[in-house]
Amino acid sequence: MSALYLIPVTLGDVEHRRVLPEYNREVILSIRHFIVENVRTARRFLKKTEPSIVIDNLVFYELNKHTSAEAVAAYLAPLAEGESVGVISEAGCPAVADPGADVVAIAQRKGYKVVPLVGPSSILMSVMGSGFNGQSFAFHGYLPIDASERTNTIKKLEGRIYSENQTQLFIETPYRNLKLFEDFLKECNGNTLLTVAADILQPDQLIRTAQIRDWKAKTPDIHKRPAIFILGV
């Protein structure tokens, strides 16, 4: 039976067999149509997964924030003809903080089978390594750009870690990591705990939890590194 397969990729330049099950490779070999964020990196990922793959025999559909819903629906046409389709993100798991979610939403509305495959998620791995509540957490993505709105949002979400014991997660464009880090130091209570998780699964991986007052003594080296920030107790 055909299905929409959500195919995780490695986080950075990590050996595939270290983080991706052999079953994923078997599924990939059965698929000819792929919906991807970037054709070039998707082709490279597939070739690393299985060198014998003939890339020119595959069909790629590019997906980004500008792709219309009509185009995405058209990408799923092979499913109606009995052929499976794979969704490949740029890093980690498709459809989590990722435009692949739009593909899955349409597939669900049309009644197609959706199959998520096992793979690394920087969001979950950072929660695992933080020491914070893993039963109640919220991922907010990017904070507002406007300074006053950003400040209000940080204070409001910091309040939730105390009133609800709910762990709060954020990301930022890598070159703006230090600005976000500085905003947390400026706006949060000195007792509040902050986890900085950068380059997860890489040799220079950083996952450190400390009070805001302690972070003020040493700024982590996170400029232009993929990072996740977590507030918790």
Protein backbone atom coordinates (compact mmCIF):
# COMPACT_ATOMS: atom_id res chain seq x y z
CA MET A 1 0.00 0.00 0.00
CA SER A 2 1.34 3.45 -0.88
CA ALA A 3 2.07 5.92 1.93
CA LEU A 4 3.56 9.30 2.68
CA TYR A 5 6.81 8.48 4.49
CA LEU A 6 8.37 11.11 6.75
CA ILE A 7 12.10 10.44 6.46
CA PRO A 8 14.41 11.91 9.14
CA VAL A 9 17.94 12.95 8.23
CA THR A 10 21.06 13.33 10.33
CA LEU A 11 21.80 16.39 12.44
CA GLY A 12 24.94 17.71 10.80
CA ASP A 13 27.67 15.52 9.37
CA VAL A 14 27.00 12.37 11.39
CA GLU A 15 27.45 8.79 10.20
CA HIS A 16 24.00 7.62 9.02
CA ARG A 17 24.14 4.23 10.72
CA ARG A 18 24.71 5.92 14.06
CA VAL A 19 21.29 7.59 14.13
CA LEU A 20 19.10 6.08 11.39
CA PRO A 21 17.70 2.52 11.44
CA GLU A 22 18.37 0.11 8.58
CA TYR A 23 14.60 0.01 7.99
CA ASN A 24 14.71 3.64 6.85
CA ARG A 25 17.14 2.66 4.10
CA GLU A 26 14.81 -0.11 2.96
CA VAL A 27 11.90 2.34 2.76
CA ILE A 28 13.97 4.89 0.85
CA LEU A 29 14.90 2.27 -1.76
CA SER A 30 11.19 1.66 -2.41
CA ILE A 31 10.39 5.33 -3.14
CA ARG A 32 10.76 7.23 -6.38
CA HIS A 33 9.07 10.54 -5.48
CA PHE A 34 10.49 12.86 -2.81
CA ILE A 35 9.24 16.19 -1.41
CA VAL A 36 12.29 18.07 -0.14
CA GLU A 37 13.38 21.45 1.23
CA ASN A 38 16.51 21.52 -0.88
CA VAL A 39 17.07 19.23 -3.86
CA ARG A 40 20.86 19.36 -3.70
CA THR A 41 21.14 18.36 -0.02
CA ALA A 42 18.38 15.76 -0.39
CA ARG A 43 20.24 14.13 -3.28
CA ARG A 44 23.42 14.07 -1.18
CA PHE A 45 21.58 12.51 1.77
CA LEU A 46 20.07 9.77 -0.38
CA LYS A 47 23.40 8.97 -1.99
CA LYS A 48 25.04 8.66 1.42
CA THR A 49 22.21 6.45 2.62
CA GLU A 50 22.65 4.08 -0.31
CA PRO A 51 25.46 4.71 -2.85
CA SER A 52 23.81 2.43 -5.41
CA ILE A 53 20.79 4.73 -5.75
CA VAL A 54 20.46 6.16 -9.26
CA ILE A 55 19.53 9.75 -8.47
CA ASP A 56 18.45 10.52 -12.04
CA ASN A 57 15.68 7.94 -11.70
CA LEU A 58 14.09 9.89 -8.87
CA VAL A 59 11.63 12.78 -8.96
CA PHE A 60 12.06 15.72 -6.57
CA TYR A 61 9.48 18.34 -5.58
CA GLU A 62 10.87 21.37 -3.76
CA LEU A 63 9.02 22.65 -0.70
CA ASN A 64 9.55 25.95 1.10
CA LYS A 65 7.54 28.69 2.79
CA HIS A 66 6.57 30.09 -0.60
CA THR A 67 5.12 26.82 -1.97
CA SER A 68 1.37 27.15 -2.49
CA ALA A 69 -1.14 24.69 -1.06
CA GLU A 70 -2.16 23.83 -4.62
CA ALA A 71 1.43 22.91 -5.51
CA VAL A 72 1.79 20.79 -2.38
CA ALA A 73 -1.43 18.93 -3.20
CA ALA A 74 -0.04 18.25 -6.68
CA TYR A 75 3.13 16.80 -5.15
CA LEU A 76 0.95 14.09 -3.56
CA ALA A 77 -0.51 12.94 -6.89
CA PRO A 78 1.67 9.77 -6.99
CA LEU A 79 -0.13 8.52 -3.86
CA ALA A 80 -3.41 8.43 -5.77
CA GLU A 81 -1.67 6.27 -8.38
CA GLY A 82 -0.38 3.77 -5.83
CA GLU A 83 3.17 5.11 -5.48
CA SER A 84 4.68 6.12 -2.16
CA VAL A 85 6.11 9.59 -1.55
CA GLY A 86 8.91 10.53 0.86
CA VAL A 87 9.31 13.84 2.72
CA ILE A 88 12.89 14.88 3.54
CA SER A 89 13.76 17.83 5.80
CA GLU A 90 17.05 19.73 5.89
CA ALA A 91 17.88 18.32 9.33
CA GLY A 92 16.20 16.06 11.84
CA CYS A 93 12.56 15.05 11.60
CA PRO A 94 10.18 16.28 8.89
CA ALA A 95 7.01 18.17 9.90
CA VAL A 96 8.37 19.24 13.31
CA ALA A 97 9.26 22.96 13.15
CA ASP A 98 9.40 22.25 9.44
CA PRO A 99 7.31 23.03 6.30
CA GLY A 100 6.70 19.30 5.88
CA ALA A 101 3.78 19.77 8.27
CA ASP A 102 1.82 21.35 5.42
CA VAL A 103 2.31 18.21 3.33
CA VAL A 104 1.13 15.97 6.15
CA ALA A 105 -1.95 18.12 6.76
CA ILE A 106 -3.06 17.77 3.14
CA ALA A 107 -2.31 14.04 3.13
CA GLN A 108 -4.44 13.59 6.24
CA ARG A 109 -7.34 15.53 4.72
CA LYS A 110 -7.19 13.37 1.61
CA GLY A 111 -7.09 10.18 3.64
CA TYR A 112 -3.64 9.01 2.58
CA LYS A 113 -1.61 6.76 4.85
CA VAL A 114 1.10 8.70 6.73
CA VAL A 115 4.13 6.86 8.16
CA PRO A 116 6.70 8.71 10.32
CA LEU A 117 10.09 6.98 10.48
CA VAL A 118 12.49 6.92 13.43
CA GLY A 119 15.27 9.51 13.52
CA PRO A 120 16.96 12.25 15.54
CA SER A 121 15.02 15.29 16.78
CA SER A 122 17.08 18.14 18.21
CA ILE A 123 13.98 19.35 20.07
CA LEU A 124 13.42 16.10 21.94
CA MET A 125 17.12 15.45 22.48
CA SER A 126 17.60 18.88 24.02
CA VAL A 127 14.70 18.25 26.42
CA MET A 128 16.23 14.87 27.29
CA GLY A 129 19.54 16.51 28.13
CA SER A 130 18.18 19.54 29.98
CA GLY A 131 16.98 17.96 33.21
CA PHE A 132 13.65 19.80 32.90
CA ASN A 133 10.08 18.51 32.96
CA GLY A 134 9.69 16.19 29.98
CA GLN A 135 5.99 15.55 30.60
CA SER A 136 4.87 19.12 29.92
CA PHE A 137 6.82 21.27 27.49
CA ALA A 138 6.06 23.77 24.74
CA PHE A 139 8.10 24.57 21.65
CA HIS A 140 7.61 28.17 20.51
CA GLY A 141 10.02 28.42 17.58
CA TYR A 142 11.13 32.02 17.04
CA LEU A 143 10.33 34.82 19.45
CA PRO A 144 8.85 38.13 18.15
CA ILE A 145 11.31 40.52 16.48
CA ASP A 146 9.77 43.66 18.03
CA ALA A 147 11.74 44.44 21.22
CA SER A 148 8.81 45.19 23.53
CA GLU A 149 6.76 42.26 22.26
CA ARG A 150 9.79 40.01 22.62
CA THR A 151 10.33 41.11 26.22
CA ASN A 152 6.67 40.57 27.11
CA THR A 153 6.69 37.11 25.55
CA ILE A 154 9.81 36.03 27.41
CA LYS A 155 8.38 37.19 30.73
CA LYS A 156 5.00 35.55 30.06
CA LEU A 157 6.55 32.20 29.10
CA GLU A 158 9.01 32.34 31.99
CA GLY A 159 5.96 32.68 34.23
CA ARG A 160 4.65 29.35 32.93
CA ILE A 161 7.68 27.44 34.11
CA TYR A 162 6.83 28.51 37.67
CA SER A 163 3.02 28.45 37.56
CA GLU A 164 2.64 25.26 35.47
CA ASN A 165 6.09 23.61 35.66
CA GLN A 166 5.99 23.68 31.87
CA THR A 167 9.34 23.60 30.07
CA GLN A 168 9.68 26.31 27.38
CA LEU A 169 11.74 25.81 24.19
CA PHE A 170 12.94 28.32 21.59
CA ILE A 171 15.14 28.53 18.52
CA GLU A 172 16.76 31.39 16.67
CA THR A 173 18.57 31.96 13.38
CA PRO A 174 22.15 30.81 14.20
CA TYR A 175 23.74 34.20 13.59
CA ARG A 176 21.28 35.75 16.11
CA ASN A 177 21.88 33.16 18.85
CA LEU A 178 23.88 35.50 21.05
CA LYS A 179 21.23 38.22 20.87
CA LEU A 180 18.58 35.78 22.09
CA PHE A 181 20.91 34.49 24.80
CA GLU A 182 21.49 38.09 25.96
CA ASP A 183 17.73 38.73 26.00
CA PHE A 184 17.22 35.78 28.36
CA LEU A 185 19.97 37.07 30.67
CA LYS A 186 18.42 40.54 30.67
CA GLU A 187 14.75 39.62 31.10
CA CYS A 188 14.67 36.45 33.22
CA ASN A 189 14.94 35.99 36.97
CA GLY A 190 18.44 35.13 38.18
CA ASN A 191 17.14 31.85 39.66
CA THR A 192 15.57 30.69 36.40
CA LEU A 193 17.36 27.80 34.73
CA LEU A 194 18.42 28.07 31.09
CA THR A 195 19.64 25.21 28.93
CA VAL A 196 21.70 25.96 25.84
CA ALA A 197 21.94 23.00 23.45
CA ALA A 198 24.08 23.48 20.34
CA ASP A 199 25.38 21.19 17.59
CA ILE A 200 23.60 18.16 19.00
CA LEU A 201 25.30 14.85 18.05
CA GLN A 202 28.37 16.69 16.78
CA PRO A 203 31.86 16.19 18.31
CA ASP A 204 31.68 19.68 19.86
CA GLN A 205 28.12 19.23 21.16
CA LEU A 206 27.07 21.60 23.96
CA ILE A 207 24.20 20.83 26.33
CA ARG A 208 24.50 22.84 29.53
CA THR A 209 21.91 23.85 32.13
CA ALA A 210 22.63 26.64 34.61
CA GLN A 211 20.89 29.47 36.43
CA ILE A 212 20.63 32.77 34.58
CA ARG A 213 22.95 34.40 37.14
CA ASP A 214 25.61 31.76 36.44
CA TRP A 215 25.33 32.14 32.65
CA LYS A 216 26.17 35.83 33.09
CA ALA A 217 29.70 34.85 34.10
CA LYS A 218 30.45 32.99 30.88
CA THR A 219 28.92 33.40 27.41
CA PRO A 220 28.85 30.10 25.47
CA ASP A 221 30.38 29.82 22.01
CA ILE A 222 27.13 29.51 20.02
CA HIS A 223 27.55 32.07 17.23
CA LYS A 224 26.31 30.55 13.95
CA ARG A 225 25.78 27.14 15.57
CA PRO A 226 22.36 25.39 15.37
CA ALA A 227 21.01 25.80 18.89
CA ILE A 228 17.97 25.33 21.08
CA PHE A 229 17.27 27.38 24.21
CA ILE A 230 15.16 26.02 27.07
CA LEU A 231 13.77 27.69 30.17
CA GLY A 232 12.81 25.44 33.07
CA VAL A 233 12.95 24.69 36.79
